């Protein structure tokens, strides 16, 4: 096996067989306090691909931070082929403020590829692209739902790219969504650079969700095996149940028809039928009640957890599948697989 090559991140050169912690400077606070993006690089002794794993591009999305922490503490990481670049907190400003956004109120995931002379968001995006993404062959970016909104573990990816589709299936989330590339997103920018990237969405902002964290950690290991960074599973691991994901043909948000208090809501991951009641919305005095119904057969892949809604608020994210009963079985199998502690 050929020896791995050295890699340079920022001003640090990491030699094969070495592990390095690197702090990439970002815009200081106005208190003159210096800030830096923490990066850990693990360079295997043997040649292989370069994979970056990132989290907290939105500063209030915490599951990914914990996934990467656990990833870096696993002994098996010491024997990888190629190089792992782990960035647990990309949006350092947002993380400190427990906010999705940067101090300039911009969304970092709409600011790529950025500019070294632009806004705070543009500068951070530019730094991440130049120092991290450009050094990698593959990427996994970890996300959650927004505040008061939870997502069933799912992969969002460009399924028109065969390599990306293969990695999406390997990850092992129950649902894969063929998601259009958005201008300014990390995924869109990486696609232009020819770098396959998966977006893992699971759980809710500002909350740890143990199932989502376990699934994300397993998913990263599955991707590392698929690209040759880790050996194939042993016999004991192969004997464990696994998830063959289903691809959503389409997704749709069901919105509140009127304002009020939300009751009797469908659970995340549940199967619903066309016309089935998802929730009811009533006024505080109980004088009227509006029923929210499913517009088609599907699975609840996202939902608002807030018991209050304004007219037009997104309440349920439904996925449409070619075989809904099969999708229901996959979601149930996924839940069983991740009941066991790592």
C-alpha atoms as a PDB file:
ATOM      1  CA  UNK A   1       0.000   0.000   0.000  1.00  0.00           C
ATOM      2  CA  UNK A   2       1.351   3.433  -0.973  1.00  0.00           C
ATOM      3  CA  UNK A   3       2.252   5.856   1.805  1.00  0.00           C
ATOM      4  CA  UNK A   4      -0.224   8.676   2.391  1.00  0.00           C
ATOM      5  CA  UNK A   5       0.685  12.182   1.287  1.00  0.00           C
ATOM      6  CA  UNK A   6       1.113  15.145   3.611  1.00  0.00           C
ATOM      7  CA  UNK A   7      -1.694  17.699   3.778  1.00  0.00           C
ATOM      8  CA  UNK A   8      -1.591  21.416   4.495  1.00  0.00           C
ATOM      9  CA  UNK A   9      -4.445  23.129   6.360  1.00  0.00           C
ATOM     10  CA  UNK A  10      -3.872  26.817   6.965  1.00  0.00           C
ATOM     11  CA  UNK A  11      -0.186  27.135   7.794  1.00  0.00           C
ATOM     12  CA  UNK A  12       0.080  23.645   9.281  1.00  0.00           C
ATOM     13  CA  UNK A  13       1.553  20.686   7.411  1.00  0.00           C
ATOM     14  CA  UNK A  14       0.304  17.320   8.689  1.00  0.00           C
ATOM     15  CA  UNK A  15       2.513  14.374   7.862  1.00  0.00           C
ATOM     16  CA  UNK A  16       1.249  10.790   7.321  1.00  0.00           C
ATOM     17  CA  UNK A  17       0.489   9.022  10.590  1.00  0.00           C
ATOM     18  CA  UNK A  18       0.080  12.292  12.481  1.00  0.00           C
ATOM     19  CA  UNK A  19      -2.819  14.057  14.159  1.00  0.00           C
ATOM     20  CA  UNK A  20      -3.006  17.832  14.445  1.00  0.00           C
ATOM     21  CA  UNK A  21      -5.291  20.404  16.021  1.00  0.00           C
ATOM     22  CA  UNK A  22      -5.464  23.575  13.960  1.00  0.00           C
ATOM     23  CA  UNK A  23      -7.161  26.873  14.781  1.00  0.00           C
ATOM     24  CA  UNK A  24      -8.126  28.867  11.679  1.00  0.00           C
ATOM     25  CA  UNK A  25      -8.530  32.573  12.562  1.00  0.00           C
ATOM     26  CA  UNK A  26     -11.947  34.118  11.819  1.00  0.00           C
ATOM     27  CA  UNK A  27     -13.289  37.638  12.348  1.00  0.00           C
ATOM     28  CA  UNK A  28     -12.603  38.836  15.899  1.00  0.00           C
ATOM     29  CA  UNK A  29     -15.335  39.961  18.269  1.00  0.00           C
ATOM     30  CA  UNK A  30     -15.716  43.711  18.735  1.00  0.00           C
ATOM     31  CA  UNK A  31     -14.322  43.242  22.262  1.00  0.00           C
ATOM     32  CA  UNK A  32     -10.948  42.581  20.572  1.00  0.00           C
ATOM     33  CA  UNK A  33     -11.309  38.925  21.535  1.00  0.00           C
ATOM     34  CA  UNK A  34      -9.767  36.631  18.938  1.00  0.00           C
ATOM     35  CA  UNK A  35     -11.835  33.813  17.461  1.00  0.00           C
ATOM     36  CA  UNK A  36     -10.787  30.723  15.541  1.00  0.00           C
ATOM     37  CA  UNK A  37     -12.467  27.800  13.807  1.00  0.00           C
ATOM     38  CA  UNK A  38     -11.311  24.542  15.468  1.00  0.00           C
ATOM     39  CA  UNK A  39     -10.112  21.841  13.085  1.00  0.00           C
ATOM     40  CA  UNK A  40      -8.663  18.413  13.748  1.00  0.00           C
ATOM     41  CA  UNK A  41      -6.781  16.583  11.016  1.00  0.00           C
ATOM     42  CA  UNK A  42      -6.053  12.874  11.218  1.00  0.00           C
ATOM     43  CA  UNK A  43      -3.642  11.712   8.536  1.00  0.00           C
ATOM     44  CA  UNK A  44      -3.444   7.958   8.038  1.00  0.00           C
ATOM     45  CA  UNK A  45      -0.168   6.253   7.240  1.00  0.00           C
ATOM     46  CA  UNK A  46      -1.537   4.699   4.063  1.00  0.00           C
ATOM     47  CA  UNK A  47      -2.806   6.446   0.963  1.00  0.00           C
ATOM     48  CA  UNK A  48      -6.535   7.080   0.625  1.00  0.00           C
ATOM     49  CA  UNK A  49      -9.134   9.773   0.038  1.00  0.00           C
ATOM     50  CA  UNK A  50      -9.544  13.005   1.974  1.00  0.00           C
ATOM     51  CA  UNK A  51     -12.906  13.388   3.727  1.00  0.00           C
ATOM     52  CA  UNK A  52     -14.105  16.496   5.545  1.00  0.00           C
ATOM     53  CA  UNK A  53     -16.880  16.271   8.138  1.00  0.00           C
ATOM     54  CA  UNK A  54     -18.364  19.555   9.294  1.00  0.00           C
ATOM     55  CA  UNK A  55     -21.051  20.757  11.704  1.00  0.00           C
ATOM     56  CA  UNK A  56     -22.618  23.953  13.037  1.00  0.00           C
ATOM     57  CA  UNK A  57     -22.616  25.854   9.759  1.00  0.00           C
ATOM     58  CA  UNK A  58     -25.783  27.057  11.448  1.00  0.00           C
ATOM     59  CA  UNK A  59     -24.532  27.896  14.931  1.00  0.00           C
ATOM     60  CA  UNK A  60     -27.564  26.555  16.811  1.00  0.00           C
ATOM     61  CA  UNK A  61     -27.449  23.068  15.251  1.00  0.00           C
ATOM     62  CA  UNK A  62     -25.708  20.996  17.896  1.00  0.00           C
ATOM     63  CA  UNK A  63     -26.174  17.301  17.058  1.00  0.00           C
ATOM     64  CA  UNK A  64     -23.344  17.408  14.544  1.00  0.00           C
ATOM     65  CA  UNK A  65     -20.935  18.887  17.083  1.00  0.00           C
ATOM     66  CA  UNK A  66     -21.518  15.882  19.340  1.00  0.00           C
ATOM     67  CA  UNK A  67     -21.284  13.450  16.406  1.00  0.00           C
ATOM     68  CA  UNK A  68     -17.848  14.776  15.510  1.00  0.00           C
ATOM     69  CA  UNK A  69     -16.717  14.733  19.157  1.00  0.00           C
ATOM     70  CA  UNK A  70     -17.597  11.032  19.379  1.00  0.00           C
ATOM     71  CA  UNK A  71     -16.046  10.340  15.976  1.00  0.00           C
ATOM     72  CA  UNK A  72     -12.707  11.782  17.042  1.00  0.00           C
ATOM     73  CA  UNK A  73     -12.667   9.667  20.206  1.00  0.00           C
ATOM     74  CA  UNK A  74     -13.090   6.330  18.402  1.00  0.00           C
ATOM     75  CA  UNK A  75      -9.956   4.171  18.357  1.00  0.00           C
ATOM     76  CA  UNK A  76     -10.666   2.923  14.831  1.00  0.00           C
ATOM     77  CA  UNK A  77      -9.907   6.421  13.506  1.00  0.00           C
ATOM     78  CA  UNK A  78      -6.224   5.805  14.227  1.00  0.00           C
ATOM     79  CA  UNK A  79      -6.084   3.170  11.478  1.00  0.00           C
ATOM     80  CA  UNK A  80      -7.732   5.079   8.621  1.00  0.00           C
ATOM     81  CA  UNK A  81      -6.397   5.215   5.098  1.00  0.00           C
ATOM     82  CA  UNK A  82      -6.218   8.717   3.693  1.00  0.00           C
ATOM     83  CA  UNK A  83      -7.069  11.806   5.736  1.00  0.00           C
ATOM     84  CA  UNK A  84      -9.992  12.957   7.867  1.00  0.00           C
ATOM     85  CA  UNK A  85     -10.603  16.687   8.324  1.00  0.00           C
ATOM     86  CA  UNK A  86     -13.051  17.280  11.181  1.00  0.00           C
ATOM     87  CA  UNK A  87     -14.588  20.721  11.721  1.00  0.00           C
ATOM     88  CA  UNK A  88     -17.093  20.532  14.594  1.00  0.00           C
ATOM     89  CA  UNK A  89     -17.943  24.256  14.676  1.00  0.00           C
ATOM     90  CA  UNK A  90     -17.821  26.164  11.386  1.00  0.00           C
ATOM     91  CA  UNK A  91     -19.977  29.139  12.416  1.00  0.00           C
ATOM     92  CA  UNK A  92     -18.121  30.026  15.619  1.00  0.00           C
ATOM     93  CA  UNK A  93     -19.958  33.348  16.056  1.00  0.00           C
ATOM     94  CA  UNK A  94     -23.373  31.718  15.780  1.00  0.00           C
ATOM     95  CA  UNK A  95     -22.349  28.873  18.099  1.00  0.00           C
ATOM     96  CA  UNK A  96     -21.328  31.334  20.825  1.00  0.00           C
ATOM     97  CA  UNK A  97     -24.625  33.204  20.451  1.00  0.00           C
ATOM     98  CA  UNK A  98     -26.718  30.005  20.094  1.00  0.00           C
ATOM     99  CA  UNK A  99     -27.909  31.475  16.808  1.00  0.00           C
ATOM    100  CA  UNK A 100     -28.385  30.115  13.311  1.00  0.00           C
ATOM    101  CA  UNK A 101     -26.866  33.271  11.849  1.00  0.00           C
ATOM    102  CA  UNK A 102     -23.686  35.282  11.887  1.00  0.00           C
ATOM    103  CA  UNK A 103     -23.439  38.734  13.526  1.00  0.00           C
ATOM    104  CA  UNK A 104     -24.318  40.372  10.180  1.00  0.00           C
ATOM    105  CA  UNK A 105     -27.601  38.355  10.227  1.00  0.00           C
ATOM    106  CA  UNK A 106     -26.577  36.423   7.141  1.00  0.00           C
ATOM    107  CA  UNK A 107     -27.057  32.689   6.665  1.00  0.00           C
ATOM    108  CA  UNK A 108     -23.637  31.129   6.130  1.00  0.00           C
ATOM    109  CA  UNK A 109     -25.178  28.362   4.030  1.00  0.00           C
ATOM    110  CA  UNK A 110     -26.333  30.961   1.499  1.00  0.00           C
ATOM    111  CA  UNK A 111     -22.948  32.719   1.356  1.00  0.00           C
ATOM    112  CA  UNK A 112     -20.643  30.260  -0.440  1.00  0.00           C
ATOM    113  CA  UNK A 113     -18.135  30.508  -2.058  1.00  0.00           C
ATOM    114  CA  UNK A 114     -17.804  33.860  -0.326  1.00  0.00           C
ATOM    115  CA  UNK A 115     -15.113  36.493  -0.661  1.00  0.00           C
ATOM    116  CA  UNK A 116     -12.015  37.387   1.319  1.00  0.00           C
ATOM    117  CA  UNK A 117     -13.073  41.057   1.174  1.00  0.00           C
ATOM    118  CA  UNK A 118     -16.826  40.646   1.698  1.00  0.00           C
ATOM    119  CA  UNK A 119     -19.133  40.521   4.717  1.00  0.00           C
ATOM    120  CA  UNK A 120     -18.423  38.477   7.849  1.00  0.00           C
ATOM    121  CA  UNK A 121     -20.426  35.614   6.328  1.00  0.00           C
ATOM    122  CA  UNK A 122     -18.661  35.918   2.973  1.00  0.00           C
ATOM    123  CA  UNK A 123     -15.236  35.897   4.608  1.00  0.00           C
ATOM    124  CA  UNK A 124     -16.025  32.849   6.731  1.00  0.00           C
ATOM    125  CA  UNK A 125     -17.468  30.998   3.723  1.00  0.00           C
ATOM    126  CA  UNK A 126     -14.377  31.843   1.684  1.00  0.00           C
ATOM    127  CA  UNK A 127     -12.073  30.622   4.449  1.00  0.00           C
ATOM    128  CA  UNK A 128     -13.923  27.312   4.729  1.00  0.00           C
ATOM    129  CA  UNK A 129     -13.893  26.717   0.980  1.00  0.00           C
ATOM    130  CA  UNK A 130     -10.227  27.579   0.504  1.00  0.00           C
ATOM    131  CA  UNK A 131      -8.784  25.881   3.580  1.00  0.00           C
ATOM    132  CA  UNK A 132     -11.070  22.864   4.062  1.00  0.00           C
ATOM    133  CA  UNK A 133     -13.284  21.980   1.086  1.00  0.00           C
ATOM    134  CA  UNK A 134     -10.627  22.499  -1.579  1.00  0.00           C
ATOM    135  CA  UNK A 135      -8.368  20.027   0.244  1.00  0.00           C
ATOM    136  CA  UNK A 136     -10.988  17.239   0.248  1.00  0.00           C
ATOM    137  CA  UNK A 137     -12.295  14.591  -2.135  1.00  0.00           C
ATOM    138  CA  UNK A 138     -15.611  14.055  -0.274  1.00  0.00           C
ATOM    139  CA  UNK A 139     -17.667  15.810   2.380  1.00  0.00           C
ATOM    140  CA  UNK A 140     -20.380  15.168   4.959  1.00  0.00           C
ATOM    141  CA  UNK A 141     -22.092  18.236   6.409  1.00  0.00           C
ATOM    142  CA  UNK A 142     -24.197  17.747   9.546  1.00  0.00           C
ATOM    143  CA  UNK A 143     -27.409  19.690  10.227  1.00  0.00           C
ATOM    144  CA  UNK A 144     -30.611  19.660  12.293  1.00  0.00           C
ATOM    145  CA  UNK A 145     -34.022  21.219  11.893  1.00  0.00           C
ATOM    146  CA  UNK A 146     -34.519  24.835  12.913  1.00  0.00           C
ATOM    147  CA  UNK A 147     -35.594  25.992  16.382  1.00  0.00           C
ATOM    148  CA  UNK A 148     -38.824  24.215  17.457  1.00  0.00           C
ATOM    149  CA  UNK A 149     -38.680  22.072  14.315  1.00  0.00           C
ATOM    150  CA  UNK A 150     -37.439  18.463  14.230  1.00  0.00           C
ATOM    151  CA  UNK A 151     -36.316  16.364  11.264  1.00  0.00           C
ATOM    152  CA  UNK A 152     -36.441  12.604  10.909  1.00  0.00           C
ATOM    153  CA  UNK A 153     -32.845  11.479  10.167  1.00  0.00           C
ATOM    154  CA  UNK A 154     -32.428  11.928   6.422  1.00  0.00           C
ATOM    155  CA  UNK A 155     -29.820  12.502   3.733  1.00  0.00           C
ATOM    156  CA  UNK A 156     -30.212  15.331   1.242  1.00  0.00           C
ATOM    157  CA  UNK A 157     -28.097  15.022  -1.852  1.00  0.00           C
ATOM    158  CA  UNK A 158     -27.876  15.449  -5.599  1.00  0.00           C
ATOM    159  CA  UNK A 159     -28.934  11.990  -6.721  1.00  0.00           C
ATOM    160  CA  UNK A 160     -28.191  12.730 -10.376  1.00  0.00           C
ATOM    161  CA  UNK A 161     -24.525  12.225  -9.509  1.00  0.00           C
ATOM    162  CA  UNK A 162     -23.885   8.442  -9.292  1.00  0.00           C
ATOM    163  CA  UNK A 163     -21.049   8.802  -6.759  1.00  0.00           C
ATOM    164  CA  UNK A 164     -23.177  10.933  -4.458  1.00  0.00           C
ATOM    165  CA  UNK A 165     -26.125   8.546  -4.746  1.00  0.00           C
ATOM    166  CA  UNK A 166     -23.897   5.603  -3.811  1.00  0.00           C
ATOM    167  CA  UNK A 167     -22.658   7.419  -0.697  1.00  0.00           C
ATOM    168  CA  UNK A 168     -26.197   8.495   0.229  1.00  0.00           C
ATOM    169  CA  UNK A 169     -27.311   4.859   0.224  1.00  0.00           C
ATOM    170  CA  UNK A 170     -24.223   3.776   2.157  1.00  0.00           C
ATOM    171  CA  UNK A 171     -24.831   6.301   4.952  1.00  0.00           C
ATOM    172  CA  UNK A 172     -27.826   4.351   6.240  1.00  0.00           C
ATOM    173  CA  UNK A 173     -30.351   7.063   7.099  1.00  0.00           C
ATOM    174  CA  UNK A 174     -33.922   5.815   6.556  1.00  0.00           C
ATOM    175  CA  UNK A 175     -34.817   8.481   3.999  1.00  0.00           C
ATOM    176  CA  UNK A 176     -32.922  10.025   1.086  1.00  0.00           C
ATOM    177  CA  UNK A 177     -34.213  13.224  -0.487  1.00  0.00           C
ATOM    178  CA  UNK A 178     -33.162  14.241  -3.980  1.00  0.00           C
ATOM    179  CA  UNK A 179     -32.615  17.882  -3.134  1.00  0.00           C
ATOM    180  CA  UNK A 180     -32.021  20.638  -5.675  1.00  0.00           C
ATOM    181  CA  UNK A 181     -28.783  22.580  -5.349  1.00  0.00           C
ATOM    182  CA  UNK A 182     -29.276  26.092  -3.962  1.00  0.00           C
ATOM    183  CA  UNK A 183     -27.249  29.125  -4.915  1.00  0.00           C
ATOM    184  CA  UNK A 184     -24.845  30.059  -2.148  1.00  0.00           C
ATOM    185  CA  UNK A 185     -25.063  26.698  -0.355  1.00  0.00           C
ATOM    186  CA  UNK A 186     -22.034  24.660   0.619  1.00  0.00           C
ATOM    187  CA  UNK A 187     -23.449  21.705  -1.298  1.00  0.00           C
ATOM    188  CA  UNK A 188     -23.922  23.758  -4.448  1.00  0.00           C
ATOM    189  CA  UNK A 189     -20.427  25.200  -4.238  1.00  0.00           C
ATOM    190  CA  UNK A 190     -18.862  21.777  -3.620  1.00  0.00           C
ATOM    191  CA  UNK A 191     -20.751  20.355  -6.609  1.00  0.00           C
ATOM    192  CA  UNK A 192     -19.207  23.015  -8.845  1.00  0.00           C
ATOM    193  CA  UNK A 193     -15.815  21.908  -7.530  1.00  0.00           C
ATOM    194  CA  UNK A 194     -16.616  18.261  -8.349  1.00  0.00           C
ATOM    195  CA  UNK A 195     -16.704  17.183  -4.705  1.00  0.00           C
ATOM    196  CA  UNK A 196     -19.542  14.791  -3.704  1.00  0.00           C
ATOM    197  CA  UNK A 197     -21.148  15.972  -0.469  1.00  0.00           C
ATOM    198  CA  UNK A 198     -23.938  14.624   1.717  1.00  0.00           C
ATOM    199  CA  UNK A 199     -26.145  16.705   3.983  1.00  0.00           C
ATOM    200  CA  UNK A 200     -27.324  14.827   7.076  1.00  0.00           C
ATOM    201  CA  UNK A 201     -30.430  16.390   8.633  1.00  0.00           C
ATOM    202  CA  UNK A 202     -31.631  15.030  11.970  1.00  0.00           C
ATOM    203  CA  UNK A 203     -33.187  16.341  15.156  1.00  0.00           C
ATOM    204  CA  UNK A 204     -33.850  19.892  16.306  1.00  0.00           C
ATOM    205  CA  UNK A 205     -31.747  23.007  16.870  1.00  0.00           C
ATOM    206  CA  UNK A 206     -30.338  23.629  20.375  1.00  0.00           C
ATOM    207  CA  UNK A 207     -31.104  20.045  21.413  1.00  0.00           C
ATOM    208  CA  UNK A 208     -29.184  16.780  21.545  1.00  0.00           C
ATOM    209  CA  UNK A 209     -31.125  13.832  20.109  1.00  0.00           C
ATOM    210  CA  UNK A 210     -29.457  10.535  20.957  1.00  0.00           C
ATOM    211  CA  UNK A 211     -30.957   8.545  18.075  1.00  0.00           C
ATOM    212  CA  UNK A 212     -29.898  11.195  15.565  1.00  0.00           C
ATOM    213  CA  UNK A 213     -26.395  11.320  17.021  1.00  0.00           C
ATOM    214  CA  UNK A 214     -25.907   7.536  16.964  1.00  0.00           C
ATOM    215  CA  UNK A 215     -27.248   7.322  13.424  1.00  0.00           C
ATOM    216  CA  UNK A 216     -25.002  10.142  12.261  1.00  0.00           C
ATOM    217  CA  UNK A 217     -21.916   8.549  13.769  1.00  0.00           C
ATOM    218  CA  UNK A 218     -22.698   5.184  12.175  1.00  0.00           C
ATOM    219  CA  UNK A 219     -23.434   6.919   8.899  1.00  0.00           C
ATOM    220  CA  UNK A 220     -20.027   8.584   8.778  1.00  0.00           C
ATOM    221  CA  UNK A 221     -18.309   5.267   9.437  1.00  0.00           C
ATOM    222  CA  UNK A 222     -20.411   3.696   6.667  1.00  0.00           C
ATOM    223  CA  UNK A 223     -19.295   6.435   4.253  1.00  0.00           C
ATOM    224  CA  UNK A 224     -15.656   5.962   5.282  1.00  0.00           C
ATOM    225  CA  UNK A 225     -15.960   2.255   4.504  1.00  0.00           C
ATOM    226  CA  UNK A 226     -17.635   2.983   1.176  1.00  0.00           C
ATOM    227  CA  UNK A 227     -14.770   5.215   0.011  1.00  0.00           C
ATOM    228  CA  UNK A 228     -12.022   2.900   1.280  1.00  0.00           C
ATOM    229  CA  UNK A 229     -10.883   4.815   4.369  1.00  0.00           C
ATOM    230  CA  UNK A 230     -11.839   1.955   6.687  1.00  0.00           C
ATOM    231  CA  UNK A 231     -11.923  -1.839   6.129  1.00  0.00           C
ATOM    232  CA  UNK A 232     -15.215  -3.582   5.444  1.00  0.00           C
ATOM    233  CA  UNK A 233     -17.362  -4.609   8.392  1.00  0.00           C
ATOM    234  CA  UNK A 234     -16.399  -7.760  10.239  1.00  0.00           C
ATOM    235  CA  UNK A 235     -18.694 -10.756  10.530  1.00  0.00           C
ATOM    236  CA  UNK A 236     -20.154  -9.580  13.861  1.00  0.00           C
ATOM    237  CA  UNK A 237     -21.004  -6.172  12.418  1.00  0.00           C
ATOM    238  CA  UNK A 238     -22.472  -7.634   9.221  1.00  0.00           C
ATOM    239  CA  UNK A 239     -24.804  -9.790  11.310  1.00  0.00           C
ATOM    240  CA  UNK A 240     -26.401  -6.685  12.844  1.00  0.00           C
ATOM    241  CA  UNK A 241     -29.526  -5.260  11.285  1.00  0.00           C
ATOM    242  CA  UNK A 242     -28.936  -2.550   8.705  1.00  0.00           C
ATOM    243  CA  UNK A 243     -31.115  -0.005   6.954  1.00  0.00           C
ATOM    244  CA  UNK A 244     -31.710   0.058   3.209  1.00  0.00           C
ATOM    245  CA  UNK A 245     -32.936   3.638   2.723  1.00  0.00           C
ATOM    246  CA  UNK A 246     -35.904   4.688   0.635  1.00  0.00           C
ATOM    247  CA  UNK A 247     -35.863   7.656  -1.728  1.00  0.00           C
ATOM    248  CA  UNK A 248     -38.580  10.277  -1.395  1.00  0.00           C
ATOM    249  CA  UNK A 249     -40.182  11.008  -4.772  1.00  0.00           C
ATOM    250  CA  UNK A 250     -41.296  14.428  -3.533  1.00  0.00           C
ATOM    251  CA  UNK A 251     -41.740  16.351  -0.285  1.00  0.00           C
ATOM    252  CA  UNK A 252     -44.204  19.000   0.805  1.00  0.00           C
ATOM    253  CA  UNK A 253     -44.789  21.192   3.836  1.00  0.00           C
ATOM    254  CA  UNK A 254     -48.344  21.245   5.203  1.00  0.00           C
ATOM    255  CA  UNK A 255     -49.142  24.685   6.602  1.00  0.00           C
ATOM    256  CA  UNK A 256     -51.602  26.077   9.125  1.00  0.00           C
ATOM    257  CA  UNK A 257     -54.802  27.334   7.501  1.00  0.00           C
ATOM    258  CA  UNK A 258     -55.429  29.658  10.446  1.00  0.00           C
ATOM    259  CA  UNK A 259     -53.758  30.836  13.650  1.00  0.00           C
ATOM    260  CA  UNK A 260     -54.269  29.099  16.971  1.00  0.00           C
ATOM    261  CA  UNK A 261     -53.181  26.359  19.360  1.00  0.00           C
ATOM    262  CA  UNK A 262     -52.045  23.069  17.816  1.00  0.00           C
ATOM    263  CA  UNK A 263     -53.277  19.738  19.254  1.00  0.00           C
ATOM    264  CA  UNK A 264     -53.162  15.984  18.531  1.00  0.00           C
ATOM    265  CA  UNK A 265     -50.271  16.122  16.118  1.00  0.00           C
ATOM    266  CA  UNK A 266     -48.893  13.237  14.056  1.00  0.00           C
ATOM    267  CA  UNK A 267     -45.562  11.897  15.282  1.00  0.00           C
ATOM    268  CA  UNK A 268     -42.259  12.234  13.484  1.00  0.00           C
ATOM    269  CA  UNK A 269     -41.674   9.163  11.304  1.00  0.00           C
ATOM    270  CA  UNK A 270     -45.320   8.093  11.324  1.00  0.00           C
ATOM    271  CA  UNK A 271     -47.150   6.890   8.231  1.00  0.00           C
ATOM    272  CA  UNK A 272     -50.172   8.974   7.191  1.00  0.00           C
ATOM    273  CA  UNK A 273     -52.858   8.451   4.581  1.00  0.00           C
ATOM    274  CA  UNK A 274     -54.439  10.948   2.241  1.00  0.00           C
ATOM    275  CA  UNK A 275     -57.070  12.884   4.211  1.00  0.00           C
ATOM    276  CA  UNK A 276     -55.896  11.634   7.617  1.00  0.00           C
ATOM    277  CA  UNK A 277     -55.919  14.162  10.450  1.00  0.00           C
ATOM    278  CA  UNK A 278     -52.428  15.452  11.203  1.00  0.00           C
ATOM    279  CA  UNK A 279     -53.468  17.953  13.887  1.00  0.00           C
ATOM    280  CA  UNK A 280     -56.203  20.318  14.962  1.00  0.00           C
ATOM    281  CA  UNK A 281     -55.899  24.070  15.475  1.00  0.00           C
ATOM    282  CA  UNK A 282     -58.254  25.786  17.891  1.00  0.00           C
ATOM    283  CA  UNK A 283     -58.631  29.271  19.328  1.00  0.00           C
ATOM    284  CA  UNK A 284     -57.806  29.806  23.059  1.00  0.00           C
ATOM    285  CA  UNK A 285     -61.514  29.941  23.984  1.00  0.00           C
ATOM    286  CA  UNK A 286     -62.323  26.637  22.263  1.00  0.00           C
ATOM    287  CA  UNK A 287     -64.992  28.194  20.060  1.00  0.00           C
ATOM    288  CA  UNK A 288     -63.729  26.806  16.789  1.00  0.00           C
ATOM    289  CA  UNK A 289     -61.496  24.003  15.597  1.00  0.00           C
ATOM    290  CA  UNK A 290     -59.718  23.551  12.277  1.00  0.00           C
ATOM    291  CA  UNK A 291     -58.494  20.111  11.176  1.00  0.00           C
ATOM    292  CA  UNK A 292     -55.193  19.823   9.298  1.00  0.00           C
ATOM    293  CA  UNK A 293     -55.237  16.802   6.985  1.00  0.00           C
ATOM    294  CA  UNK A 294     -52.581  14.965   4.975  1.00  0.00           C
ATOM    295  CA  UNK A 295     -52.709  15.890   1.267  1.00  0.00           C
ATOM    296  CA  UNK A 296     -51.322  12.484   0.194  1.00  0.00           C
ATOM    297  CA  UNK A 297     -50.107   9.135   1.525  1.00  0.00           C
ATOM    298  CA  UNK A 298     -46.652   9.507   3.013  1.00  0.00           C
ATOM    299  CA  UNK A 299     -44.299   9.643   5.996  1.00  0.00           C
ATOM    300  CA  UNK A 300     -43.818  12.571   8.386  1.00  0.00           C
ATOM    301  CA  UNK A 301     -40.156  13.492   7.848  1.00  0.00           C
ATOM    302  CA  UNK A 302     -40.263  16.826   9.669  1.00  0.00           C
ATOM    303  CA  UNK A 303     -42.598  18.708  11.982  1.00  0.00           C
ATOM    304  CA  UNK A 304     -42.955  21.783  14.127  1.00  0.00           C
ATOM    305  CA  UNK A 305     -42.821  21.102  17.858  1.00  0.00           C
ATOM    306  CA  UNK A 306     -44.272  24.479  18.847  1.00  0.00           C
ATOM    307  CA  UNK A 307     -47.875  24.234  20.134  1.00  0.00           C
ATOM    308  CA  UNK A 308     -48.696  27.652  18.640  1.00  0.00           C
ATOM    309  CA  UNK A 309     -49.128  28.490  14.969  1.00  0.00           C
ATOM    310  CA  UNK A 310     -49.784  31.543  12.861  1.00  0.00           C
ATOM    311  CA  UNK A 311     -51.703  31.225   9.621  1.00  0.00           C
ATOM    312  CA  UNK A 312     -49.251  29.950   6.996  1.00  0.00           C
ATOM    313  CA  UNK A 313     -46.755  28.430   9.448  1.00  0.00           C
ATOM    314  CA  UNK A 314     -45.154  25.166   8.323  1.00  0.00           C
ATOM    315  CA  UNK A 315     -46.404  22.355  10.571  1.00  0.00           C
ATOM    316  CA  UNK A 316     -45.570  19.032   8.907  1.00  0.00           C
ATOM    317  CA  UNK A 317     -43.034  18.008   6.267  1.00  0.00           C
ATOM    318  CA  UNK A 318     -44.335  14.977   4.397  1.00  0.00           C
ATOM    319  CA  UNK A 319     -42.370  12.686   2.113  1.00  0.00           C
ATOM    320  CA  UNK A 320     -44.033  10.887  -0.795  1.00  0.00           C
ATOM    321  CA  UNK A 321     -42.744   7.392  -1.607  1.00  0.00           C
ATOM    322  CA  UNK A 322     -43.381   4.866  -4.346  1.00  0.00           C
ATOM    323  CA  UNK A 323     -44.161   2.257  -1.697  1.00  0.00           C
ATOM    324  CA  UNK A 324     -45.334   3.930   1.525  1.00  0.00           C
ATOM    325  CA  UNK A 325     -45.685   0.682   3.544  1.00  0.00           C
ATOM    326  CA  UNK A 326     -42.088  -0.174   2.634  1.00  0.00           C
ATOM    327  CA  UNK A 327     -40.985   3.285   3.754  1.00  0.00           C
ATOM    328  CA  UNK A 328     -42.818   2.760   7.045  1.00  0.00           C
ATOM    329  CA  UNK A 329     -40.980  -0.549   7.539  1.00  0.00           C
ATOM    330  CA  UNK A 330     -37.635   1.138   6.880  1.00  0.00           C
ATOM    331  CA  UNK A 331     -38.333   3.855   9.452  1.00  0.00           C
ATOM    332  CA  UNK A 332     -39.347   1.218  12.017  1.00  0.00           C
ATOM    333  CA  UNK A 333     -36.223  -0.848  11.306  1.00  0.00           C
ATOM    334  CA  UNK A 334     -34.086   2.258  11.657  1.00  0.00           C
ATOM    335  CA  UNK A 335     -35.603   2.941  15.095  1.00  0.00           C
ATOM    336  CA  UNK A 336     -34.867  -0.626  16.214  1.00  0.00           C
ATOM    337  CA  UNK A 337     -31.279  -0.560  14.919  1.00  0.00           C
ATOM    338  CA  UNK A 338     -30.498   2.613  16.839  1.00  0.00           C
ATOM    339  CA  UNK A 339     -32.085   1.573  20.107  1.00  0.00           C
ATOM    340  CA  UNK A 340     -28.867  -0.241  21.002  1.00  0.00           C
ATOM    341  CA  UNK A 341     -26.200   1.913  22.618  1.00  0.00           C
ATOM    342  CA  UNK A 342     -22.956   2.332  20.805  1.00  0.00           C
END
